[in-house]
Protein backbone atom coordinates (compact mmCIF):
# COMPACT_ATOMS: atom_id res chain seq x y z
CA MET A 1 -45.39 -25.82 65.66
CA LYS A 2 -46.18 -29.49 65.82
CA ILE A 3 -49.65 -30.81 64.79
CA ILE A 4 -50.70 -34.18 65.98
CA ALA A 5 -53.95 -35.67 64.65
CA THR A 6 -55.53 -38.19 66.96
CA GLY A 7 -58.73 -40.10 67.37
CA ASN A 8 -61.63 -40.09 64.95
CA LYS A 9 -60.39 -37.09 62.99
CA PHE A 10 -57.22 -38.92 62.07
CA ARG A 11 -59.04 -42.10 61.11
CA ASN A 12 -61.54 -40.06 58.99
CA PHE A 13 -58.69 -38.24 57.24
CA VAL A 14 -56.86 -41.51 56.48
CA GLY A 15 -60.05 -43.09 55.24
CA LEU A 16 -60.82 -40.19 52.87
CA ALA A 17 -57.19 -40.20 51.63
CA MET A 18 -57.44 -43.91 50.88
CA ILE A 19 -60.72 -43.45 49.01
CA ALA A 20 -59.25 -40.60 46.99
CA ALA A 21 -56.11 -42.65 46.20
CA PHE A 22 -57.82 -45.94 45.39
CA GLY A 23 -61.39 -45.00 44.59
CA ALA A 24 -60.97 -44.87 40.82
CA THR A 25 -59.69 -48.22 39.62
CA THR A 26 -58.10 -48.53 36.22
CA THR A 27 -56.85 -51.35 34.03
CA THR A 28 -54.36 -51.43 31.21
CA ALA A 29 -55.34 -50.10 27.82
CA LEU A 30 -57.48 -52.45 25.75
CA ALA A 31 -58.64 -52.45 22.12
CA ALA A 32 -62.12 -53.32 20.85
CA ASP A 33 -62.03 -56.23 18.40
CA THR A 34 -61.96 -54.94 14.83
CA GLY A 35 -63.04 -58.19 13.13
CA THR A 36 -66.59 -57.11 12.30
CA LEU A 37 -67.28 -54.10 14.53
CA THR A 38 -68.91 -51.17 12.81
CA VAL A 39 -70.39 -48.03 14.35
CA ASN A 40 -74.03 -48.07 15.50
CA ALA A 41 -74.16 -44.54 16.95
CA VAL A 42 -72.10 -41.42 17.53
CA GLU A 43 -73.35 -38.97 20.18
CA TYR A 44 -71.91 -35.74 21.51
CA ALA A 45 -73.73 -34.03 24.39
CA ASN A 46 -72.65 -31.92 27.33
CA THR A 47 -68.94 -32.23 26.43
CA GLN A 48 -69.14 -36.02 26.37
CA LEU A 49 -68.54 -38.12 23.26
CA LEU A 50 -70.17 -41.56 23.12
CA ILE A 51 -69.39 -44.10 20.35
CA GLN A 52 -71.45 -47.23 20.26
CA LEU A 53 -70.09 -50.19 18.20
CA SER A 54 -72.12 -53.00 16.60
CA THR A 55 -71.71 -55.13 19.75
CA GLY A 56 -73.81 -52.53 21.57
CA ASN A 57 -70.84 -51.56 23.80
CA ASN A 58 -70.48 -47.83 24.54
CA TYR A 59 -67.13 -46.05 24.72
CA ILE A 60 -66.91 -42.52 26.06
CA ALA A 61 -64.51 -39.62 26.05
CA VAL A 62 -64.77 -36.65 28.48
CA PRO A 63 -62.57 -33.62 29.11
CA SER A 64 -62.38 -34.19 32.83
CA ALA A 65 -62.57 -37.87 33.79
CA PRO A 66 -62.29 -38.97 37.40
CA SER A 67 -58.81 -39.09 38.91
CA GLY A 68 -56.74 -41.87 37.44
CA CYS A 69 -58.94 -42.17 34.35
CA THR A 70 -58.30 -41.04 30.80
CA SER A 71 -59.30 -37.43 30.05
CA ALA A 72 -59.53 -36.25 26.44
CA THR A 73 -58.70 -32.89 24.93
CA ALA A 74 -61.41 -31.08 22.96
CA ASP A 75 -59.38 -31.56 19.74
CA SER A 76 -59.06 -35.32 20.34
CA MET A 77 -62.79 -35.61 20.91
CA LYS A 78 -63.52 -33.69 17.66
CA ILE A 79 -61.19 -35.98 15.66
CA TRP A 80 -62.64 -39.16 17.21
CA ALA A 81 -66.24 -37.96 16.55
CA SER A 82 -65.22 -37.25 12.95
CA GLN A 83 -63.62 -40.66 12.57
CA ALA A 84 -66.65 -42.36 14.11
CA GLN A 85 -69.11 -40.48 11.86
CA SER A 86 -67.06 -41.32 8.81
CA ALA A 87 -67.07 -44.98 9.80
CA LEU A 88 -70.82 -44.86 10.46
CA LEU A 89 -71.60 -43.30 7.06
CA SER A 90 -69.24 -45.50 5.06
CA GLY A 91 -69.73 -48.81 6.87
CA LYS A 92 -66.02 -48.95 7.69
CA ARG A 93 -64.81 -50.62 10.88
CA LEU A 94 -63.59 -48.70 13.89
CA LYS A 95 -60.91 -49.81 16.39
CA ILE A 96 -61.18 -48.13 19.75
CA TYR A 97 -58.32 -48.26 22.24
CA TYR A 98 -59.73 -47.74 25.73
CA THR A 99 -59.09 -47.94 29.47
CA ILE A 100 -61.61 -49.33 31.92
CA CYS A 101 -61.97 -47.00 34.88
CA SER A 102 -64.71 -47.46 37.45
CA SER A 103 -66.46 -49.88 35.06
CA VAL A 104 -66.52 -47.23 32.27
CA PRO A 105 -64.53 -47.69 29.04
CA TYR A 106 -62.78 -44.33 28.43
CA ILE A 107 -61.41 -43.81 24.87
CA ASP A 108 -57.63 -43.48 24.53
CA ALA A 109 -57.34 -43.57 20.69
CA VAL A 110 -59.44 -44.40 17.62
CA ASP A 111 -58.48 -46.03 14.29
CA ILE A 112 -60.65 -46.36 11.20
CA TRP A 113 -60.19 -49.56 9.19
CA ASN A 114 -61.07 -50.58 5.67
């Protein structure tokens, strides 16, 4: 059996496929500057971890990020939340490695610094 898609149906399919393939834009992994950045806030709600640094920038981790973005395991999110809370309470600096995806900084890794 041979199936041939023609006309508007074919163009719609190709358009949707292109959106799915290229809709989520990503960049290479980055790291937040550790010079003087401390933690302002740590929030966990609805399976989303948000860490706000002293610059006011928010970094998030979610278990199911959009296609092409960084998803986090539940264990990773627990560890990162613990590190961020420790840094918040002690005044230590936090270094967050992240990937920008659809204008959102998704957390890849977290380091706590003295």
